[in-house]
Amino acid sequence: MTTIYSKRLIEVDLPIKRISAHARREKSIRHGHISTLHIWWARRPLAACRAVTCAALWPDPVDELCPQEFRDRATALIMTFAKKAAYNSKICSDESYSRWQGLVKGRIELDADNPKHWNVLRYSLLDFIADFANWDNSTQEDYLETSRALTQVAHEALGGEPGTRPLVVDPFAGGGSIPLEALRVGADAFASDLNPVATLLNKVVLEYIPKYGKHLANGVRKWGQWVKEEAEKELATFYPNDSDGSKPVAYLWARTITCEGPGCGAEIPLMRSLWLSRKSKRSIALQIKVVSQTKNRI
């Protein structure tokens, strides 16, 4: 039995430059971003994962083996989206805006039955993906509805059972960027990881937050405050207030060596750097001072 395989968009083209720009911008985003839940050292940018997931799930309309059903329904969805985007330039880039304007005003023809127009559909889908990678559009209703509809259309046109959704499997999910974006664009997701921290993080992001929502957030705040108060009680003897009433939150410890200079004998802390923070708006460093000349300590 021979399986007929239609190439996916990711196999033929991808607007890498535009997607990369959105991925770089994500580093400065903090409100509502998954990175605020837990710092993960190898987190994949949501912009790139969202774009790659869409491009891997949707077939290339130019491929001869692409189901005509997908071309027909994708054309209708893209034209519907174009009519909204053409009158709202805020939700799309300048590159895409000219395309949506052209489709709506008839300057660009798009006919699913005409092979000469399949290339127009391909690049319309890629423009959509490039702008959907923008964090500002990640919760925009028009993008969500269109992406989920395209995912469902692709799934059914490629042989998926009607009513079911495609499954995205990530056996090394880490911070959960790929399965999270799979759910966003209308697929089911299976995530796993050998690291128990990653497993817990994925359960929170993919299961607990969608299921419990605000109740989960309220519970975290309540019990987080309880842990803070109990920790302060137990550690109070180890962190006594300073003479000015300020409360220390941490101690820095370092090995020391004795200065061998004639008549010195000062204890020198072995520290690679005295900088605590070198951020542009918050630079903080330690300063070593002589506290007792008689005892030669610094």
C-alpha atoms as a PDB file:
ATOM      1  CA  MET A   1       0.000   0.000   0.000  1.00  0.00           C
ATOM      2  CA  THR A   2       1.418   3.382  -1.023  1.00  0.00           C
ATOM      3  CA  THR A   3       0.730   6.405   1.144  1.00  0.00           C
ATOM      4  CA  ILE A   4       0.200   9.636  -0.766  1.00  0.00           C
ATOM      5  CA  TYR A   5       2.034  12.424   1.035  1.00  0.00           C
ATOM      6  CA  SER A   6       1.454  16.126   0.440  1.00  0.00           C
ATOM      7  CA  LYS A   7       4.322  18.407   1.397  1.00  0.00           C
ATOM      8  CA  ARG A   8       3.709  20.768   4.291  1.00  0.00           C
ATOM      9  CA  LEU A   9       4.423  24.498   4.121  1.00  0.00           C
ATOM     10  CA  ILE A  10       7.482  24.120   6.336  1.00  0.00           C
ATOM     11  CA  GLU A  11       9.079  21.913   3.681  1.00  0.00           C
ATOM     12  CA  VAL A  12       8.925  24.548   0.945  1.00  0.00           C
ATOM     13  CA  ASP A  13       9.249  27.978   2.554  1.00  0.00           C
ATOM     14  CA  LEU A  14       9.051  29.936   5.800  1.00  0.00           C
ATOM     15  CA  PRO A  15       9.377  33.714   6.469  1.00  0.00           C
ATOM     16  CA  ILE A  16      12.374  33.205   8.767  1.00  0.00           C
ATOM     17  CA  LYS A  17      13.446  36.870   8.939  1.00  0.00           C
ATOM     18  CA  ARG A  18      10.039  38.116  10.096  1.00  0.00           C
ATOM     19  CA  ILE A  19       9.539  35.246  12.542  1.00  0.00           C
ATOM     20  CA  SER A  20      13.017  35.795  14.008  1.00  0.00           C
ATOM     21  CA  ALA A  21      12.256  39.478  14.602  1.00  0.00           C
ATOM     22  CA  HIS A  22       9.196  38.520  16.664  1.00  0.00           C
ATOM     23  CA  ALA A  23      11.204  35.875  18.534  1.00  0.00           C
ATOM     24  CA  ARG A  24      13.853  38.454  19.490  1.00  0.00           C
ATOM     25  CA  ARG A  25      11.206  40.893  20.684  1.00  0.00           C
ATOM     26  CA  GLU A  26       9.728  38.224  22.957  1.00  0.00           C
ATOM     27  CA  LYS A  27      12.749  38.463  25.267  1.00  0.00           C
ATOM     28  CA  SER A  28      11.517  41.834  26.549  1.00  0.00           C
ATOM     29  CA  ILE A  29       7.884  40.740  27.007  1.00  0.00           C
ATOM     30  CA  ARG A  30       6.823  39.907  30.534  1.00  0.00           C
ATOM     31  CA  HIS A  31       3.056  40.345  30.791  1.00  0.00           C
ATOM     32  CA  GLY A  32       1.179  37.077  30.282  1.00  0.00           C
ATOM     33  CA  HIS A  33       4.174  35.259  28.829  1.00  0.00           C
ATOM     34  CA  ILE A  34       4.965  31.638  29.734  1.00  0.00           C
ATOM     35  CA  SER A  35       8.494  32.684  30.752  1.00  0.00           C
ATOM     36  CA  THR A  36       7.040  34.501  33.776  1.00  0.00           C
ATOM     37  CA  LEU A  37       5.767  31.204  35.190  1.00  0.00           C
ATOM     38  CA  HIS A  38       9.180  29.605  35.618  1.00  0.00           C
ATOM     39  CA  ILE A  39      12.653  30.399  34.317  1.00  0.00           C
ATOM     40  CA  TRP A  40      13.678  27.631  31.937  1.00  0.00           C
ATOM     41  CA  TRP A  41      17.227  27.742  30.566  1.00  0.00           C
ATOM     42  CA  ALA A  42      16.431  26.341  27.123  1.00  0.00           C
ATOM     43  CA  ARG A  43      12.995  27.767  26.445  1.00  0.00           C
ATOM     44  CA  ARG A  44      12.045  27.949  22.787  1.00  0.00           C
ATOM     45  CA  PRO A  45      10.530  31.269  21.609  1.00  0.00           C
ATOM     46  CA  LEU A  46       6.755  31.017  21.393  1.00  0.00           C
ATOM     47  CA  ALA A  47       6.831  33.018  18.146  1.00  0.00           C
ATOM     48  CA  ALA A  48       8.994  30.418  16.415  1.00  0.00           C
ATOM     49  CA  CYS A  49       7.052  27.484  17.873  1.00  0.00           C
ATOM     50  CA  ARG A  50       3.715  28.974  16.809  1.00  0.00           C
ATOM     51  CA  ALA A  51       4.953  29.557  13.258  1.00  0.00           C
ATOM     52  CA  VAL A  52       6.623  26.159  12.927  1.00  0.00           C
ATOM     53  CA  THR A  53       3.574  24.326  14.289  1.00  0.00           C
ATOM     54  CA  CYS A  54       1.234  25.978  11.774  1.00  0.00           C
ATOM     55  CA  ALA A  55       3.636  25.394   8.890  1.00  0.00           C
ATOM     56  CA  ALA A  56       4.088  21.741   9.850  1.00  0.00           C
ATOM     57  CA  LEU A  57       0.345  21.070  10.114  1.00  0.00           C
ATOM     58  CA  TRP A  58      -0.841  22.869   6.956  1.00  0.00           C
ATOM     59  CA  PRO A  59      -0.129  21.362   3.508  1.00  0.00           C
ATOM     60  CA  ASP A  60       1.481  23.337   0.710  1.00  0.00           C
ATOM     61  CA  PRO A  61      -1.307  24.271  -1.738  1.00  0.00           C
ATOM     62  CA  VAL A  62       1.174  24.343  -4.654  1.00  0.00           C
ATOM     63  CA  ASP A  63       2.064  20.672  -4.190  1.00  0.00           C
ATOM     64  CA  GLU A  64       0.213  18.545  -6.737  1.00  0.00           C
ATOM     65  CA  LEU A  65      -0.675  16.051  -3.997  1.00  0.00           C
ATOM     66  CA  CYS A  66      -2.325  18.713  -1.820  1.00  0.00           C
ATOM     67  CA  PRO A  67      -6.020  17.814  -1.401  1.00  0.00           C
ATOM     68  CA  GLN A  68      -8.261  20.127  -3.397  1.00  0.00           C
ATOM     69  CA  GLU A  69     -10.569  20.238  -0.377  1.00  0.00           C
ATOM     70  CA  PHE A  70      -7.857  22.058   1.563  1.00  0.00           C
ATOM     71  CA  ARG A  71      -7.284  24.564  -1.254  1.00  0.00           C
ATOM     72  CA  ASP A  72     -11.008  25.325  -1.471  1.00  0.00           C
ATOM     73  CA  ARG A  73     -11.616  25.778   2.230  1.00  0.00           C
ATOM     74  CA  ALA A  74      -8.279  27.520   2.912  1.00  0.00           C
ATOM     75  CA  THR A  75      -9.041  30.034   0.153  1.00  0.00           C
ATOM     76  CA  ALA A  76     -12.392  30.852   1.748  1.00  0.00           C
ATOM     77  CA  LEU A  77     -10.783  31.259   5.184  1.00  0.00           C
ATOM     78  CA  ILE A  78      -7.969  33.453   3.868  1.00  0.00           C
ATOM     79  CA  MET A  79     -10.413  35.689   1.969  1.00  0.00           C
ATOM     80  CA  THR A  80     -12.541  36.067   5.109  1.00  0.00           C
ATOM     81  CA  PHE A  81      -9.465  36.998   7.113  1.00  0.00           C
ATOM     82  CA  ALA A  82      -8.256  39.383   4.378  1.00  0.00           C
ATOM     83  CA  LYS A  83     -11.519  41.334   4.525  1.00  0.00           C
ATOM     84  CA  LYS A  84     -10.950  41.940   8.245  1.00  0.00           C
ATOM     85  CA  ALA A  85      -7.222  42.662   8.041  1.00  0.00           C
ATOM     86  CA  ALA A  86      -7.579  45.002   5.056  1.00  0.00           C
ATOM     87  CA  TYR A  87      -9.470  47.458   7.253  1.00  0.00           C
ATOM     88  CA  ASN A  88      -7.396  46.981  10.398  1.00  0.00           C
ATOM     89  CA  SER A  89      -3.719  47.565   9.623  1.00  0.00           C
ATOM     90  CA  LYS A  90      -2.849  47.310  13.340  1.00  0.00           C
ATOM     91  CA  ILE A  91      -3.140  43.503  13.321  1.00  0.00           C
ATOM     92  CA  CYS A  92      -0.773  42.904  10.393  1.00  0.00           C
ATOM     93  CA  SER A  93       2.596  44.000   9.068  1.00  0.00           C
ATOM     94  CA  ASP A  94       3.100  46.327   6.101  1.00  0.00           C
ATOM     95  CA  GLU A  95       4.157  43.374   3.922  1.00  0.00           C
ATOM     96  CA  SER A  96       0.956  41.473   4.649  1.00  0.00           C
ATOM     97  CA  TYR A  97      -1.321  44.529   4.599  1.00  0.00           C
ATOM     98  CA  SER A  98      -0.623  45.155   0.929  1.00  0.00           C
ATOM     99  CA  ARG A  99      -1.511  41.527   0.155  1.00  0.00           C
ATOM    100  CA  TRP A 100      -4.803  41.649   2.098  1.00  0.00           C
ATOM    101  CA  GLN A 101      -5.692  44.942   0.395  1.00  0.00           C
ATOM    102  CA  GLY A 102      -4.885  43.440  -3.006  1.00  0.00           C
ATOM    103  CA  LEU A 103      -7.034  40.358  -2.381  1.00  0.00           C
ATOM    104  CA  VAL A 104     -10.018  42.375  -1.166  1.00  0.00           C
ATOM    105  CA  LYS A 105      -9.847  44.980  -3.928  1.00  0.00           C
ATOM    106  CA  GLY A 106      -9.238  42.447  -6.685  1.00  0.00           C
ATOM    107  CA  ARG A 107      -5.684  43.507  -7.560  1.00  0.00           C
ATOM    108  CA  ILE A 108      -4.537  40.006  -6.574  1.00  0.00           C
ATOM    109  CA  GLU A 109      -6.587  37.077  -7.879  1.00  0.00           C
ATOM    110  CA  LEU A 110      -7.109  33.966  -5.783  1.00  0.00           C
ATOM    111  CA  ASP A 111      -8.996  31.056  -7.324  1.00  0.00           C
ATOM    112  CA  ALA A 112      -8.612  27.657  -5.676  1.00  0.00           C
ATOM    113  CA  ASP A 113      -9.468  25.880  -8.941  1.00  0.00           C
ATOM    114  CA  ASN A 114      -6.781  27.653 -10.949  1.00  0.00           C
ATOM    115  CA  PRO A 115      -3.284  26.122 -10.553  1.00  0.00           C
ATOM    116  CA  LYS A 116      -1.780  29.484 -11.463  1.00  0.00           C
ATOM    117  CA  HIS A 117      -3.266  30.952  -8.270  1.00  0.00           C
ATOM    118  CA  TRP A 118      -2.075  28.230  -5.878  1.00  0.00           C
ATOM    119  CA  ASN A 119       1.150  30.165  -5.364  1.00  0.00           C
ATOM    120  CA  VAL A 120      -0.917  33.148  -4.185  1.00  0.00           C
ATOM    121  CA  LEU A 121      -2.593  30.944  -1.578  1.00  0.00           C
ATOM    122  CA  ARG A 122       0.795  29.578  -0.448  1.00  0.00           C
ATOM    123  CA  TYR A 123       2.237  33.035   0.221  1.00  0.00           C
ATOM    124  CA  SER A 124      -0.988  34.276   1.760  1.00  0.00           C
ATOM    125  CA  LEU A 125      -0.721  31.457   4.301  1.00  0.00           C
ATOM    126  CA  LEU A 126       2.953  32.300   4.923  1.00  0.00           C
ATOM    127  CA  ASP A 127       2.093  35.989   5.428  1.00  0.00           C
ATOM    128  CA  PHE A 128      -0.571  34.940   7.911  1.00  0.00           C
ATOM    129  CA  ILE A 129       1.947  32.768   9.776  1.00  0.00           C
ATOM    130  CA  ALA A 130       4.545  35.570   9.879  1.00  0.00           C
ATOM    131  CA  ASP A 131       2.096  38.009  11.472  1.00  0.00           C
ATOM    132  CA  PHE A 132       0.610  35.393  13.791  1.00  0.00           C
ATOM    133  CA  ALA A 133       4.122  34.956  15.210  1.00  0.00           C
ATOM    134  CA  ASN A 134       3.776  38.473  16.633  1.00  0.00           C
ATOM    135  CA  TRP A 135       3.081  38.226  20.387  1.00  0.00           C
ATOM    136  CA  ASP A 136       0.475  41.009  20.070  1.00  0.00           C
ATOM    137  CA  ASN A 137      -1.540  38.759  17.737  1.00  0.00           C
ATOM    138  CA  SER A 138      -1.194  35.565  19.775  1.00  0.00           C
ATOM    139  CA  THR A 139      -4.544  36.178  21.507  1.00  0.00           C
ATOM    140  CA  GLN A 140      -6.169  38.198  18.720  1.00  0.00           C
ATOM    141  CA  GLU A 141      -9.493  36.540  17.951  1.00  0.00           C
ATOM    142  CA  ASP A 142      -9.261  36.749  14.146  1.00  0.00           C
ATOM    143  CA  TYR A 143      -5.881  34.994  14.128  1.00  0.00           C
ATOM    144  CA  LEU A 144      -6.994  32.347  16.619  1.00  0.00           C
ATOM    145  CA  GLU A 145     -10.214  31.518  14.765  1.00  0.00           C
ATOM    146  CA  THR A 146      -8.529  31.408  11.356  1.00  0.00           C
ATOM    147  CA  SER A 147      -5.527  29.335  12.504  1.00  0.00           C
ATOM    148  CA  ARG A 148      -7.727  26.804  14.297  1.00  0.00           C
ATOM    149  CA  ALA A 149     -10.036  26.536  11.295  1.00  0.00           C
ATOM    150  CA  LEU A 150      -7.066  25.998   8.948  1.00  0.00           C
ATOM    151  CA  THR A 151      -5.643  23.341  11.269  1.00  0.00           C
ATOM    152  CA  GLN A 152      -8.967  21.498  11.324  1.00  0.00           C
ATOM    153  CA  VAL A 153      -9.407  21.804   7.560  1.00  0.00           C
ATOM    154  CA  ALA A 154      -5.898  20.467   6.948  1.00  0.00           C
ATOM    155  CA  HIS A 155      -6.438  17.577   9.355  1.00  0.00           C
ATOM    156  CA  GLU A 156      -9.672  16.437   7.727  1.00  0.00           C
ATOM    157  CA  ALA A 157      -8.476  17.025   4.148  1.00  0.00           C
ATOM    158  CA  LEU A 158      -5.400  14.898   4.812  1.00  0.00           C
ATOM    159  CA  GLY A 159      -7.494  11.976   6.037  1.00  0.00           C
ATOM    160  CA  GLY A 160      -8.170  12.808   9.666  1.00  0.00           C
ATOM    161  CA  GLU A 161     -11.501  11.636  11.081  1.00  0.00           C
ATOM    162  CA  PRO A 162     -14.033  14.507  11.091  1.00  0.00           C
ATOM    163  CA  GLY A 163     -14.521  15.920  14.563  1.00  0.00           C
ATOM    164  CA  THR A 164     -11.056  14.872  15.762  1.00  0.00           C
ATOM    165  CA  ARG A 165      -7.979  17.087  15.933  1.00  0.00           C
ATOM    166  CA  PRO A 166      -4.374  16.468  14.870  1.00  0.00           C
ATOM    167  CA  LEU A 167      -1.996  15.330  17.615  1.00  0.00           C
ATOM    168  CA  VAL A 168       1.333  17.090  18.197  1.00  0.00           C
ATOM    169  CA  VAL A 169       3.731  14.965  20.247  1.00  0.00           C
ATOM    170  CA  ASP A 170       6.762  16.436  22.039  1.00  0.00           C
ATOM    171  CA  PRO A 171       8.636  13.716  24.012  1.00  0.00           C
ATOM    172  CA  PHE A 172      11.222  16.233  25.305  1.00  0.00           C
ATOM    173  CA  ALA A 173       8.921  19.164  26.000  1.00  0.00           C
ATOM    174  CA  GLY A 174      11.141  21.071  28.431  1.00  0.00           C
ATOM    175  CA  GLY A 175       9.526  24.446  29.111  1.00  0.00           C
ATOM    176  CA  GLY A 176       6.435  23.495  27.116  1.00  0.00           C
ATOM    177  CA  SER A 177       6.583  26.020  24.265  1.00  0.00           C
ATOM    178  CA  ILE A 178       5.749  23.555  21.479  1.00  0.00           C
ATOM    179  CA  PRO A 179       2.753  21.811  23.115  1.00  0.00           C
ATOM    180  CA  LEU A 180       1.403  25.168  24.314  1.00  0.00           C
ATOM    181  CA  GLU A 181       1.447  26.559  20.779  1.00  0.00           C
ATOM    182  CA  ALA A 182      -0.041  23.336  19.406  1.00  0.00           C
ATOM    183  CA  LEU A 183      -3.054  23.862  21.674  1.00  0.00           C
ATOM    184  CA  ARG A 184      -3.249  27.524  20.656  1.00  0.00           C
ATOM    185  CA  VAL A 185      -3.556  26.711  16.929  1.00  0.00           C
ATOM    186  CA  GLY A 186      -6.179  24.002  17.394  1.00  0.00           C
ATOM    187  CA  ALA A 187      -4.282  20.728  17.753  1.00  0.00           C
ATOM    188  CA  ASP A 188      -4.172  18.253  20.618  1.00  0.00           C
ATOM    189  CA  ALA A 189      -0.822  17.955  22.382  1.00  0.00           C
ATOM    190  CA  PHE A 190       1.067  15.212  24.216  1.00  0.00           C
ATOM    191  CA  ALA A 191       4.101  16.371  26.200  1.00  0.00           C
ATOM    192  CA  SER A 192       6.609  14.473  28.327  1.00  0.00           C
ATOM    193  CA  ASP A 193      10.058  14.994  29.799  1.00  0.00           C
ATOM    194  CA  LEU A 194      12.527  13.124  32.017  1.00  0.00           C
ATOM    195  CA  ASN A 195      13.066  16.218  34.168  1.00  0.00           C
ATOM    196  CA  PRO A 196      10.413  16.319  36.939  1.00  0.00           C
ATOM    197  CA  VAL A 197      10.523  20.138  36.993  1.00  0.00           C
ATOM    198  CA  ALA A 198       9.692  20.232  33.283  1.00  0.00           C
ATOM    199  CA  THR A 199       6.916  17.689  33.811  1.00  0.00           C
ATOM    200  CA  LEU A 200       5.353  19.795  36.570  1.00  0.00           C
ATOM    201  CA  LEU A 201       5.711  22.950  34.487  1.00  0.00           C
ATOM    202  CA  ASN A 202       3.947  21.313  31.538  1.00  0.00           C
ATOM    203  CA  LYS A 203       1.122  20.011  33.726  1.00  0.00           C
ATOM    204  CA  VAL A 204       0.553  23.521  35.072  1.00  0.00           C
ATOM    205  CA  VAL A 205       0.683  25.197  31.645  1.00  0.00           C
ATOM    206  CA  LEU A 206      -1.205  22.586  29.638  1.00  0.00           C
ATOM    207  CA  GLU A 207      -3.631  21.127  32.189  1.00  0.00           C
ATOM    208  CA  TYR A 208      -4.059  23.102  35.400  1.00  0.00           C
ATOM    209  CA  ILE A 209      -4.279  26.642  33.993  1.00  0.00           C
ATOM    210  CA  PRO A 210      -6.862  25.760  31.274  1.00  0.00           C
ATOM    211  CA  LYS A 211      -8.865  23.707  33.807  1.00  0.00           C
ATOM    212  CA  TYR A 212      -8.747  25.892  36.925  1.00  0.00           C
ATOM    213  CA  GLY A 213      -7.872  29.339  35.556  1.00  0.00           C
ATOM    214  CA  LYS A 214      -8.316  32.153  38.093  1.00  0.00           C
ATOM    215  CA  HIS A 215      -8.924  29.721  40.979  1.00  0.00           C
ATOM    216  CA  LEU A 216      -5.425  28.335  40.455  1.00  0.00           C
ATOM    217  CA  ALA A 217      -3.904  31.826  40.463  1.00  0.00           C
ATOM    218  CA  ASN A 218      -5.732  32.722  43.678  1.00  0.00           C
ATOM    219  CA  GLY A 219      -4.584  29.475  45.301  1.00  0.00           C
ATOM    220  CA  VAL A 220      -0.962  30.114  44.338  1.00  0.00           C
ATOM    221  CA  ARG A 221      -1.113  33.628  45.825  1.00  0.00           C
ATOM    222  CA  LYS A 222      -2.724  32.374  49.058  1.00  0.00           C
ATOM    223  CA  TRP A 223      -0.321  29.515  49.716  1.00  0.00           C
ATOM    224  CA  GLY A 224       2.668  31.459  48.447  1.00  0.00           C
ATOM    225  CA  GLN A 225       1.943  34.105  51.086  1.00  0.00           C
ATOM    226  CA  TRP A 226       1.576  31.370  53.721  1.00  0.00           C
ATOM    227  CA  VAL A 227       4.961  29.864  52.820  1.00  0.00           C
ATOM    228  CA  LYS A 228       6.553  33.343  52.936  1.00  0.00           C
ATOM    229  CA  GLU A 229       5.174  34.075  56.400  1.00  0.00           C
ATOM    230  CA  GLU A 230       6.127  30.674  57.815  1.00  0.00           C
ATOM    231  CA  ALA A 231       9.627  30.921  56.341  1.00  0.00           C
ATOM    232  CA  GLU A 232      10.101  34.356  57.900  1.00  0.00           C
ATOM    233  CA  LYS A 233       9.152  32.956  61.308  1.00  0.00           C
ATOM    234  CA  GLU A 234      11.541  30.002  61.101  1.00  0.00           C
ATOM    235  CA  LEU A 235      14.461  31.990  59.681  1.00  0.00           C
ATOM    236  CA  ALA A 236      14.064  35.100  61.832  1.00  0.00           C
ATOM    237  CA  THR A 237      16.945  34.103  64.150  1.00  0.00           C
ATOM    238  CA  PHE A 238      19.295  33.672  61.182  1.00  0.00           C
ATOM    239  CA  TYR A 239      18.374  36.996  59.565  1.00  0.00           C
ATOM    240  CA  PRO A 240      18.225  39.562  62.417  1.00  0.00           C
ATOM    241  CA  ASN A 241      17.407  43.123  61.495  1.00  0.00           C
ATOM    242  CA  ASP A 242      20.318  45.477  60.888  1.00  0.00           C
ATOM    243  CA  SER A 243      20.957  48.398  63.204  1.00  0.00           C
ATOM    244  CA  ASP A 244      18.990  50.720  60.923  1.00  0.00           C
ATOM    245  CA  GLY A 245      15.984  48.392  60.968  1.00  0.00           C
ATOM    246  CA  SER A 246      16.450  46.999  57.454  1.00  0.00           C
ATOM    247  CA  LYS A 247      15.939  43.276  57.001  1.00  0.00           C
ATOM    248  CA  PRO A 248      18.636  41.206  55.215  1.00  0.00           C
ATOM    249  CA  VAL A 249      17.384  38.722  52.635  1.00  0.00           C
ATOM    250  CA  ALA A 250      20.622  36.841  51.892  1.00  0.00           C
ATOM    251  CA  TYR A 251      24.231  36.425  52.966  1.00  0.00           C
ATOM    252  CA  LEU A 252      27.264  36.191  50.706  1.00  0.00           C
ATOM    253  CA  TRP A 253      29.940  33.711  51.806  1.00  0.00           C
ATOM    254  CA  ALA A 254      33.490  33.481  50.526  1.00  0.00           C
ATOM    255  CA  ARG A 255      36.714  31.756  51.475  1.00  0.00           C
ATOM    256  CA  THR A 256      39.509  34.050  52.583  1.00  0.00           C
ATOM    257  CA  ILE A 257      43.288  34.130  52.465  1.00  0.00           C
ATOM    258  CA  THR A 258      45.683  36.105  54.652  1.00  0.00           C
ATOM    259  CA  CYS A 259      47.666  38.848  52.994  1.00  0.00           C
ATOM    260  CA  GLU A 260      51.388  38.037  53.245  1.00  0.00           C
ATOM    261  CA  GLY A 261      52.499  41.622  52.855  1.00  0.00           C
ATOM    262  CA  PRO A 262      54.876  42.936  55.568  1.00  0.00           C
ATOM    263  CA  GLY A 263      52.843  44.159  58.519  1.00  0.00           C
ATOM    264  CA  CYS A 264      49.501  43.488  56.741  1.00  0.00           C
ATOM    265  CA  GLY A 265      47.882  40.165  57.644  1.00  0.00           C
ATOM    266  CA  ALA A 266      44.482  41.287  56.294  1.00  0.00           C
ATOM    267  CA  GLU A 267      41.945  38.621  55.383  1.00  0.00           C
ATOM    268  CA  ILE A 268      41.156  38.853  51.670  1.00  0.00           C
ATOM    269  CA  PRO A 269      37.838  37.331  50.414  1.00  0.00           C
ATOM    270  CA  LEU A 270      38.250  35.142  47.340  1.00  0.00           C
ATOM    271  CA  MET A 271      35.552  36.476  45.011  1.00  0.00           C
ATOM    272  CA  ARG A 272      35.692  36.407  41.237  1.00  0.00           C
ATOM    273  CA  SER A 273      33.685  39.614  40.948  1.00  0.00           C
ATOM    274  CA  LEU A 274      32.269  42.227  43.303  1.00  0.00           C
ATOM    275  CA  TRP A 275      29.382  42.991  40.939  1.00  0.00           C
ATOM    276  CA  LEU A 276      25.926  41.852  42.089  1.00  0.00           C
ATOM    277  CA  SER A 277      24.105  43.327  39.100  1.00  0.00           C
ATOM    278  CA  ARG A 278      25.316  45.039  35.932  1.00  0.00           C
ATOM    279  CA  LYS A 279      21.981  45.978  34.371  1.00  0.00           C
ATOM    280  CA  SER A 280      21.848  49.399  32.761  1.00  0.00           C
ATOM    281  CA  LYS A 281      19.229  50.731  35.160  1.00  0.00           C
ATOM    282  CA  ARG A 282      20.380  48.856  38.255  1.00  0.00           C
ATOM    283  CA  SER A 283      24.127  48.458  38.698  1.00  0.00           C
ATOM    284  CA  ILE A 284      25.093  47.215  42.174  1.00  0.00           C
ATOM    285  CA  ALA A 285      28.535  46.220  43.413  1.00  0.00           C
ATOM    286  CA  LEU A 286      30.175  45.350  46.723  1.00  0.00           C
ATOM    287  CA  GLN A 287      32.799  47.673  48.141  1.00  0.00           C
ATOM    288  CA  ILE A 288      35.519  46.361  50.439  1.00  0.00           C
ATOM    289  CA  LYS A 289      36.299  48.643  53.370  1.00  0.00           C
ATOM    290  CA  VAL A 290      38.743  48.434  56.286  1.00  0.00           C
ATOM    291  CA  VAL A 291      36.623  47.908  59.412  1.00  0.00           C
ATOM    292  CA  SER A 292      39.431  47.557  61.959  1.00  0.00           C
ATOM    293  CA  GLN A 293      42.989  48.695  61.363  1.00  0.00           C
ATOM    294  CA  THR A 294      44.152  47.190  64.661  1.00  0.00           C
ATOM    295  CA  LYS A 295      43.068  43.724  63.622  1.00  0.00           C
ATOM    296  CA  ASN A 296      44.049  44.208  59.979  1.00  0.00           C
ATOM    297  CA  ARG A 297      40.668  43.073  58.645  1.00  0.00           C
ATOM    298  CA  ILE A 298      38.887  44.380  55.584  1.00  0.00           C
END
